[in-house]
Amino acid sequence: MPLSSRPSSRGGMAAGGYQDMCGRYALIQPPGALRALFGFEERPGFPPRYNVAPGQPVPVVRREGTRRHFMLVCWGLIPSWAKEEPKTPIINARAETCAEKPSFRGPFRHRRCLMPADGFYEWKPGRGRAKQPYFIRRRDGKPFAMAALWDVWMAGNGSEIDTCAVITVAANATLAPIHGRMPAILDEAEWEAWLDPSTSPKDLMALLKPAPDGLLEAIPVGTRINAAGNEGPALIEPVPASAGESGSGAGGGGQLDLF
């Protein structure tokens, strides 16, 4: 399944209901660099993506036996027991309740994964309906892993669909002025514990915490990121915050919060 640059009909931003997270992130690293960092066996090929949106296929890293594997899944979890696709894609799971909610309880116990990223976007409310988009990345520019859950759903025609959701936590001091939530970013030393099926629920919950305050930086960018069809490195170029608020594009007011 190729990484699409187009938003899926399943996950359009107009669907509503996204509550915890901005529905955009970037994965710019070449496949070989990700393979070296995450240690999966496969040798996938895919282009850099600056505007990954819900409903699109996204790379995740899971563990099978003692080895890590690369897998493409649809961003928007469909519980294995669901009779039909949800009207609103379930793209995030709150850390505080993911071990208990029916949609996430099974994946939390048995199907945890890492979602590689170079950064994600968040929108800060401005004047009127305008929202200023920010690109949030590590200060050192390195890629990172968001804690995620995956599941397998069987469609009515018998085909199996692999899907995922990102786990969110309360925002740290860097993100709090922009939004109240952020993805759970795991330190590299924590990846194996997150993927290990023998890790206890208590120890898993201890991994789901806000990122250290000095880890990330928030860079104001233009409003072209608001449209899921836009792509390219220009999307992460810094702009003055006021320019980002008044810039042309898909209208800041139409962007729904997801983290």
Protein backbone atom coordinates (compact mmCIF):
# COMPACT_ATOMS: atom_id res chain seq x y z
CA MET A 1 0.00 0.00 0.00
CA PRO A 2 1.76 3.20 -1.14
CA LEU A 3 1.92 6.33 0.99
CA SER A 4 -0.71 8.53 -0.59
CA SER A 5 -0.35 12.28 -0.85
CA ARG A 6 -4.11 12.69 -1.06
CA PRO A 7 -6.54 12.72 1.89
CA SER A 8 -8.72 9.64 2.02
CA SER A 9 -12.50 9.96 1.83
CA ARG A 10 -12.54 8.27 5.22
CA GLY A 11 -10.62 10.97 6.97
CA GLY A 12 -11.50 14.41 5.63
CA MET A 13 -11.14 17.30 8.02
CA ALA A 14 -14.75 18.30 7.51
CA ALA A 15 -15.94 15.14 9.20
CA GLY A 16 -15.71 16.77 12.62
CA GLY A 17 -15.25 15.18 15.99
CA TYR A 18 -11.46 15.35 16.22
CA GLN A 19 -10.77 16.34 19.79
CA ASP A 20 -7.19 15.98 20.91
CA MET A 21 -4.73 16.49 18.10
CA CYS A 22 -4.09 18.59 15.02
CA GLY A 23 -4.53 16.06 12.17
CA ARG A 24 -1.32 16.75 10.40
CA TYR A 25 2.24 15.56 10.84
CA ALA A 26 5.42 15.27 8.77
CA LEU A 27 7.67 12.32 8.01
CA ILE A 28 10.65 13.56 6.04
CA GLN A 29 13.38 11.02 6.80
CA PRO A 30 14.40 8.71 3.94
CA PRO A 31 13.43 5.04 4.38
CA GLY A 32 17.02 3.91 4.92
CA ALA A 33 17.54 6.36 7.77
CA LEU A 34 14.32 5.22 9.46
CA ARG A 35 15.31 1.57 9.05
CA ALA A 36 18.68 2.26 10.70
CA LEU A 37 17.08 4.17 13.57
CA PHE A 38 14.11 1.88 14.28
CA GLY A 39 15.74 -1.43 13.42
CA PHE A 40 12.98 -2.99 11.31
CA GLU A 41 13.81 -5.69 8.78
CA GLU A 42 11.85 -4.52 5.74
CA ARG A 43 13.28 -2.18 3.09
CA PRO A 44 10.32 0.03 2.19
CA GLY A 45 10.36 2.86 -0.29
CA PHE A 46 8.37 6.06 0.17
CA PRO A 47 8.78 9.81 -0.47
CA PRO A 48 9.14 12.53 2.17
CA ARG A 49 5.75 13.66 3.45
CA TYR A 50 5.18 17.13 4.87
CA ASN A 51 1.41 16.94 5.30
CA VAL A 52 0.23 13.51 6.45
CA ALA A 53 -3.49 13.57 7.23
CA PRO A 54 -6.07 11.26 8.84
CA GLY A 55 -7.37 8.49 6.61
CA GLN A 56 -4.06 8.13 4.79
CA PRO A 57 -1.71 5.13 5.03
CA VAL A 58 1.06 5.83 7.56
CA PRO A 59 4.19 3.90 8.56
CA VAL A 60 4.35 2.29 12.00
CA VAL A 61 6.86 -0.02 13.64
CA ARG A 62 5.59 -3.04 15.56
CA ARG A 63 7.21 -6.04 17.18
CA GLU A 64 6.63 -9.62 16.12
CA GLY A 65 8.48 -12.17 18.23
CA THR A 66 11.80 -10.57 19.04
CA ARG A 67 12.07 -8.50 15.85
CA ARG A 68 10.74 -5.16 14.73
CA HIS A 69 8.74 -4.80 11.54
CA PHE A 70 7.61 -1.93 9.32
CA MET A 71 3.91 -1.81 8.47
CA LEU A 72 1.61 0.59 6.64
CA VAL A 73 -1.71 1.20 8.37
CA CYS A 74 -4.59 3.61 7.90
CA TRP A 75 -4.51 6.53 10.34
CA GLY A 76 -7.90 6.23 12.04
CA LEU A 77 -8.42 3.20 14.26
CA ILE A 78 -11.36 0.88 13.61
CA PRO A 79 -11.84 -1.54 16.53
CA SER A 80 -11.71 -5.19 15.49
CA TRP A 81 -15.18 -5.73 16.92
CA ALA A 82 -16.81 -2.80 15.06
CA LYS A 83 -19.63 -3.76 12.70
CA GLU A 84 -18.90 -0.80 10.41
CA GLU A 85 -16.43 2.02 9.98
CA PRO A 86 -16.99 4.89 12.43
CA LYS A 87 -18.36 8.07 10.86
CA THR A 88 -15.52 10.00 12.48
CA PRO A 89 -12.03 8.45 12.27
CA ILE A 90 -10.61 7.59 15.70
CA ILE A 91 -7.16 9.06 15.21
CA ASN A 92 -6.16 9.49 18.85
CA ALA A 93 -6.47 7.71 22.18
CA ARG A 94 -6.09 9.54 25.50
CA ALA A 95 -3.38 8.07 27.69
CA GLU A 96 -5.55 8.51 30.77
CA THR A 97 -8.22 6.09 29.49
CA CYS A 98 -6.67 4.01 26.68
CA ALA A 99 -6.20 0.96 28.93
CA GLU A 100 -9.92 0.94 29.77
CA LYS A 101 -11.89 2.22 26.76
CA PRO A 102 -13.39 -0.64 24.72
CA SER A 103 -11.96 0.74 21.46
CA PHE A 104 -8.39 0.73 22.80
CA ARG A 105 -8.30 -1.88 25.57
CA GLY A 106 -7.31 -4.80 23.33
CA PRO A 107 -4.75 -2.86 21.25
CA PHE A 108 -3.21 -1.41 24.42
CA ARG A 109 -2.61 -4.92 25.72
CA HIS A 110 -1.56 -6.65 22.52
CA ARG A 111 -1.01 -4.28 19.57
CA ARG A 112 1.22 -1.36 20.48
CA CYS A 113 3.41 0.33 17.90
CA LEU A 114 5.65 3.31 17.20
CA MET A 115 4.68 6.01 14.72
CA PRO A 116 7.82 7.74 13.35
CA ALA A 117 7.64 11.49 12.72
CA ASP A 118 9.84 14.49 12.08
CA GLY A 119 7.27 16.88 13.50
CA PHE A 120 3.58 17.60 13.85
CA TYR A 121 1.34 20.63 13.43
CA GLU A 122 -0.87 22.41 15.90
CA TRP A 123 -3.11 25.45 15.55
CA LYS A 124 -3.30 28.29 18.09
CA PRO A 125 -6.54 30.29 18.20
CA GLY A 126 -6.10 33.87 17.07
CA ARG A 127 -8.35 36.81 16.32
CA GLY A 128 -11.85 35.83 15.33
CA ARG A 129 -11.86 32.42 13.62
CA ALA A 130 -8.23 32.68 12.53
CA LYS A 131 -5.77 30.10 13.82
CA GLN A 132 -1.99 30.27 13.61
CA PRO A 133 -0.43 26.95 12.54
CA TYR A 134 2.80 25.81 14.19
CA PHE A 135 5.21 23.09 13.19
CA ILE A 136 6.43 21.30 16.32
CA ARG A 137 9.71 19.42 16.07
CA ARG A 138 12.68 18.39 18.20
CA ARG A 139 15.12 21.24 18.80
CA ASP A 140 17.94 19.05 17.50
CA GLY A 141 16.01 18.23 14.32
CA LYS A 142 16.04 14.47 14.93
CA PRO A 143 13.01 12.26 14.16
CA PHE A 144 11.02 10.82 17.05
CA ALA A 145 8.46 8.13 17.81
CA MET A 146 4.88 8.74 18.91
CA ALA A 147 3.26 6.00 20.97
CA ALA A 148 0.42 4.43 19.00
CA LEU A 149 -2.03 1.52 18.96
CA TRP A 150 -3.05 -0.56 15.97
CA ASP A 151 -5.84 -3.01 15.22
CA VAL A 152 -7.16 -5.17 12.39
CA TRP A 153 -10.73 -4.76 11.15
CA MET A 154 -12.51 -7.02 8.68
CA ALA A 155 -14.68 -5.19 6.18
CA GLY A 156 -17.97 -6.53 4.89
CA ASN A 157 -16.27 -7.86 1.76
CA GLY A 158 -13.89 -9.95 3.86
CA SER A 159 -10.81 -7.76 3.36
CA GLU A 160 -8.70 -6.90 6.40
CA ILE A 161 -7.75 -3.30 7.14
CA ASP A 162 -4.92 -2.38 9.50
CA THR A 163 -5.58 0.90 11.33
CA CYS A 164 -3.99 2.96 14.10
CA ALA A 165 -4.44 5.79 16.59
CA VAL A 166 -1.86 8.04 18.25
CA ILE A 167 -1.85 8.25 22.04
CA THR A 168 -2.08 11.76 23.48
CA VAL A 169 -1.10 13.26 26.84
CA ALA A 170 -1.37 16.66 28.51
CA ALA A 171 0.76 19.32 26.83
CA ASN A 172 4.13 20.24 28.28
CA ALA A 173 5.20 23.83 28.99
CA THR A 174 6.29 24.36 25.37
CA LEU A 175 2.96 23.30 23.87
CA ALA A 176 0.55 24.49 26.56
CA PRO A 177 0.28 28.07 25.18
CA ILE A 178 -0.78 26.57 21.83
CA HIS A 179 -2.91 23.56 22.76
CA GLY A 180 -3.79 21.50 25.82
CA ARG A 181 -2.78 18.11 24.39
CA MET A 182 0.19 16.61 22.55
CA PRO A 183 1.24 13.18 21.27
CA ALA A 184 2.98 10.84 23.71
CA ILE A 185 6.58 11.00 22.48
CA LEU A 186 8.71 8.08 23.61
CA ASP A 187 12.42 8.37 24.28
CA GLU A 188 14.46 5.96 22.19
CA ALA A 189 15.40 4.08 25.36
CA GLU A 190 11.67 3.45 25.93
CA TRP A 191 10.81 2.02 22.52
CA GLU A 192 11.56 -1.58 23.37
CA ALA A 193 9.51 -1.50 26.58
CA TRP A 194 6.55 -0.05 24.66
CA LEU A 195 6.72 -2.78 22.03
CA ASP A 196 7.51 -5.65 24.41
CA PRO A 197 4.35 -7.75 25.02
CA SER A 198 5.60 -8.64 28.51
CA THR A 199 5.69 -5.04 29.78
CA SER A 200 3.14 -4.62 32.56
CA PRO A 201 0.22 -2.17 32.18
CA LYS A 202 1.61 -0.15 35.07
CA ASP A 203 4.98 0.22 33.37
CA LEU A 204 3.31 1.03 30.06
CA MET A 205 1.30 3.83 31.63
CA ALA A 206 4.49 5.26 33.14
CA LEU A 207 5.85 5.73 29.60
CA LEU A 208 2.90 7.90 28.55
CA LYS A 209 3.91 11.32 29.80
CA PRO A 210 4.48 14.81 28.37
CA ALA A 211 7.79 15.31 26.58
CA PRO A 212 10.52 17.15 28.53
CA ASP A 213 10.00 20.89 28.28
CA GLY A 214 13.27 21.50 26.45
CA LEU A 215 12.87 18.78 23.83
CA LEU A 216 10.61 20.53 21.31
CA GLU A 217 10.26 23.87 19.58
CA ALA A 218 7.16 25.38 17.98
CA ILE A 219 7.71 27.23 14.71
CA PRO A 220 4.96 29.40 13.15
CA VAL A 221 4.26 28.37 9.55
CA GLY A 222 1.90 29.50 6.82
CA THR A 223 -1.72 28.45 6.46
CA ARG A 224 -1.12 26.33 3.33
CA ILE A 225 -0.76 23.43 5.76
CA ASN A 226 -4.51 23.73 6.44
CA ALA A 227 -5.32 22.07 3.10
CA ALA A 228 -4.56 18.36 3.17
CA GLY A 229 -3.78 18.34 -0.55
CA ASN A 230 -0.80 20.69 -0.19
CA GLU A 231 2.66 19.13 0.00
CA GLY A 232 6.34 20.03 -0.01
CA PRO A 233 9.09 21.53 2.16
CA ALA A 234 7.63 25.05 1.88
CA LEU A 235 4.97 23.96 4.38
CA ILE A 236 7.49 23.95 7.24
CA GLU A 237 9.26 27.20 6.36
CA PRO A 238 9.04 29.66 9.27
CA VAL A 239 6.89 32.77 8.92
CA PRO A 240 6.15 35.65 11.30
CA ALA A 241 3.23 34.64 13.48
CA SER A 242 1.12 37.54 12.23
CA ALA A 243 1.76 36.48 8.62
CA GLY A 244 0.69 32.96 9.43
CA GLU A 245 -2.58 34.22 10.85
CA SER A 246 -3.42 36.38 7.86
CA GLY A 247 -1.93 34.17 5.13
CA SER A 248 -4.00 32.76 2.31
CA GLY A 249 -4.96 29.11 2.16
CA ALA A 250 -7.68 26.88 3.49
CA GLY A 251 -8.72 29.28 6.25
CA GLY A 252 -7.44 28.77 9.77
CA GLY A 253 -10.96 28.57 11.16
CA GLY A 254 -11.64 25.34 9.29
CA GLN A 255 -8.88 23.40 11.02
CA LEU A 256 -10.12 21.10 13.77
CA ASP A 257 -8.00 20.16 16.77
CA LEU A 258 -7.01 16.53 17.09
CA PHE A 259 -4.21 16.25 19.66
